[in-house]
Structure formats: C-alpha cells, structure tokens
Protein backbone atom coordinates (compact mmCIF):
# COMPACT_ATOMS: atom_id res chain seq x y z
CA MET A 1 288.79 270.93 57.82
CA ILE A 2 290.76 272.12 60.84
CA HIS A 3 291.07 275.70 59.62
CA SER A 4 287.31 276.25 59.58
CA LEU A 5 286.84 274.71 63.02
CA ASP A 6 289.84 276.36 64.64
CA ARG A 7 289.85 279.94 63.38
CA ASP A 8 292.02 281.31 66.18
CA GLN A 9 294.41 278.33 66.09
CA SER A 10 293.97 277.81 69.83
CA THR A 11 293.54 274.05 69.59
CA ARG A 12 296.14 273.18 66.97
CA ILE A 13 298.55 270.44 67.89
CA PHE A 14 302.14 270.46 66.66
CA THR A 15 302.98 267.03 65.29
CA HIS A 16 306.02 265.60 63.63
CA ILE A 17 306.56 262.69 61.25
CA MET A 18 309.93 261.03 61.02
CA PRO A 19 310.75 261.13 57.29
CA PHE A 20 313.56 258.61 57.01
CA TYR A 21 314.14 254.88 57.41
CA SER A 22 314.27 254.58 61.20
CA TYR A 23 314.17 256.55 64.42
CA ASP A 24 317.70 255.73 65.57
CA VAL A 25 320.35 258.45 65.58
CA PRO A 26 321.84 257.65 62.14
CA HIS A 27 318.44 258.17 60.54
CA THR A 28 317.19 261.30 62.32
CA CYS A 29 319.55 264.24 61.75
CA GLY A 30 319.02 264.41 57.99
CA PRO A 31 318.86 262.43 54.78
CA ASP A 32 322.36 260.91 54.90
CA PRO A 33 322.77 258.21 57.59
CA LYS A 34 326.50 257.95 56.83
CA ILE A 35 326.83 261.53 58.11
CA CYS A 36 324.25 261.33 60.90
CA CYS A 37 325.96 258.25 62.34
CA GLN A 38 329.07 260.37 62.85
CA PHE A 39 327.06 262.32 65.44
CA ASP A 40 326.00 259.27 67.44
CA PHE A 41 328.75 259.54 70.03
CA LYS A 42 327.95 256.17 71.58
CA ARG A 43 329.56 254.74 68.44
CA ALA A 44 332.92 256.49 68.96
CA SER A 45 336.15 254.50 68.94
CA GLY A 46 336.38 251.93 71.69
CA SER A 47 332.63 251.38 71.87
CA GLU A 48 330.90 248.04 71.41
CA VAL A 49 328.99 249.50 68.43
CA SER A 50 330.23 251.39 65.38
CA CYS A 51 328.84 253.07 62.30
CA PRO A 52 328.11 250.55 59.53
CA TRP A 53 329.17 253.16 56.94
CA GLY A 54 332.77 253.02 58.20
CA ILE A 55 333.13 256.57 59.55
CA ASN A 56 332.76 256.68 63.32
CA PRO A 57 332.13 259.77 65.43
CA VAL A 58 335.01 261.76 66.86
CA PRO A 59 334.74 263.81 70.05
CA ILE A 60 334.03 267.50 69.46
CA THR A 61 336.99 269.76 70.27
CA ASN A 62 337.82 273.41 69.78
CA ASP A 63 339.83 272.35 66.71
CA ASN A 64 337.00 270.53 64.93
CA VAL A 65 333.81 272.14 66.25
CA ARG A 66 333.33 274.53 63.31
CA GLU A 67 333.72 271.84 60.65
CA ARG A 68 331.56 269.33 62.55
CA ALA A 69 328.85 271.94 63.28
CA GLN A 70 328.69 272.90 59.60
CA ILE A 71 328.27 269.27 58.57
CA LEU A 72 325.53 268.64 61.12
CA LEU A 73 323.72 271.89 60.33
CA ASP A 74 323.76 270.99 56.63
CA GLN A 75 321.86 267.78 57.47
CA TYR A 76 319.42 269.72 59.69
CA ARG A 77 318.74 272.19 56.88
CA LYS A 78 318.16 269.44 54.35
CA LYS A 79 315.72 267.76 56.71
CA ALA A 80 313.99 271.09 57.45
CA GLN A 81 313.11 271.44 53.76
CA LEU A 82 310.57 268.66 54.28
CA TYR A 83 308.48 270.70 56.73
CA GLN A 84 306.44 273.90 56.61
CA THR A 85 307.42 275.18 60.06
CA ASN A 86 310.54 276.80 61.42
CA VAL A 87 310.85 274.10 64.11
CA LEU A 88 312.77 270.90 63.49
CA PHE A 89 312.66 267.90 65.81
CA VAL A 90 315.80 265.76 65.74
CA GLN A 91 315.66 262.67 67.91
CA LEU A 92 318.92 261.62 69.56
CA GLY A 93 318.02 258.16 70.72
CA ASP A 94 315.66 255.28 70.52
CA ASP A 95 314.20 252.80 72.96
CA PHE A 96 317.50 250.98 73.46
CA ARG A 97 319.61 254.01 74.32
CA TYR A 98 320.92 255.88 77.35
CA THR A 99 321.36 252.78 79.42
CA SER A 100 324.52 254.18 81.02
CA MET A 101 325.64 257.54 82.35
CA ASP A 102 328.73 257.31 80.12
CA GLU A 103 326.58 257.23 76.99
CA ALA A 104 324.41 260.12 78.20
CA ARG A 105 327.51 262.14 79.09
CA LYS A 106 329.12 261.57 75.67
CA GLN A 107 325.99 262.63 73.82
CA PHE A 108 325.31 265.65 76.04
CA GLU A 109 328.87 267.01 76.14
CA ASN A 110 329.44 266.71 72.39
CA TYR A 111 326.05 268.12 71.39
CA ASP A 112 326.41 270.92 73.93
CA LYS A 113 329.63 272.02 72.19
CA LEU A 114 328.00 271.76 68.75
CA PHE A 115 324.82 273.63 69.76
CA THR A 116 326.73 276.34 71.63
CA TYR A 117 328.92 276.92 68.58
CA MET A 118 325.97 276.98 66.17
CA ASN A 119 324.07 279.47 68.31
CA GLU A 120 327.11 281.77 68.51
CA GLN A 121 327.21 282.10 64.70
CA ALA A 122 324.71 284.94 64.12
CA ASP A 123 325.04 284.63 60.35
CA TRP A 124 323.92 280.96 60.51
CA HIS A 125 320.44 282.05 61.69
CA VAL A 126 319.82 279.09 63.98
CA ASN A 127 318.58 278.71 67.52
CA VAL A 128 319.34 275.14 68.55
CA LYS A 129 318.03 273.82 71.84
CA SER A 130 318.21 270.46 73.47
CA MET A 131 315.27 269.01 75.32
CA ILE A 132 315.25 265.95 77.46
CA LEU A 133 312.05 263.98 77.17
CA SER A 134 311.27 260.95 79.20
CA VAL A 135 308.39 258.54 79.38
C-alpha cells in the first residue's frame, strides 16, 4: 500500500485517467461530446472538419463569452466529480492536431478569452490555466 510506504507523500505521483470514449477534444472537456465539440475551434465554420453532432464552434466574443464560459465550466465541473483532487486535466488535442499555426492560434485565442473570463468571476471559484506540453 502506497500510504504505508510513503508516509510524508514525498514520492507520490499525480496521474490522470481519461474517463470518456476518446482523447480528442470532443471527448475531453466533460461527459457530453456534443457540447465539448463546440469548443474545438478547429471545427469552426469554413474548416475541413465539423462537429458530427451538428453544432459547430463559434469564435468567442465579448457578446458570447459569459454564456460560452458557463457552458464549458459546467462540463468541467461534471468531469471533476469523477476525481478526488481539486485539479482537472482537460486535453485540447490529440496526435493529429496543431499541424498549422492557424489551428493553434484559433484554439489559443478562444481559450484565452474563456479562461480569462472564468478567472475574473470570483464567485465561480475557479483558477483555470493553460499549459503547453510537447513531446
């Protein structure tokens, strides 16, 4: 048992298991891929790919940021119920993503607006951060 061997918790490793069907964007923000796909900005109008559930992403603007942030945060909170920590890992890509600067820009700019808005809402009690990981 780890607890008996690691009494001071100095060697614990934080791990994460992806709980849903796949590790692509529609299946990582929460339990509803129809909603999560709306936050995969590569699939916005005019792209070569779209959301199979029929509701494509729209760019985040000052007019829609509150509504879109609430929808995304609801998915994050539902996913968070599956874990015992206060940290939630949400993957925003898979091994076939970010092949162009345009895609990276769309994802970054839209999520930056969403995360900035979420963090400004003190009563939402969130601290959302983006991390760029590469292999």
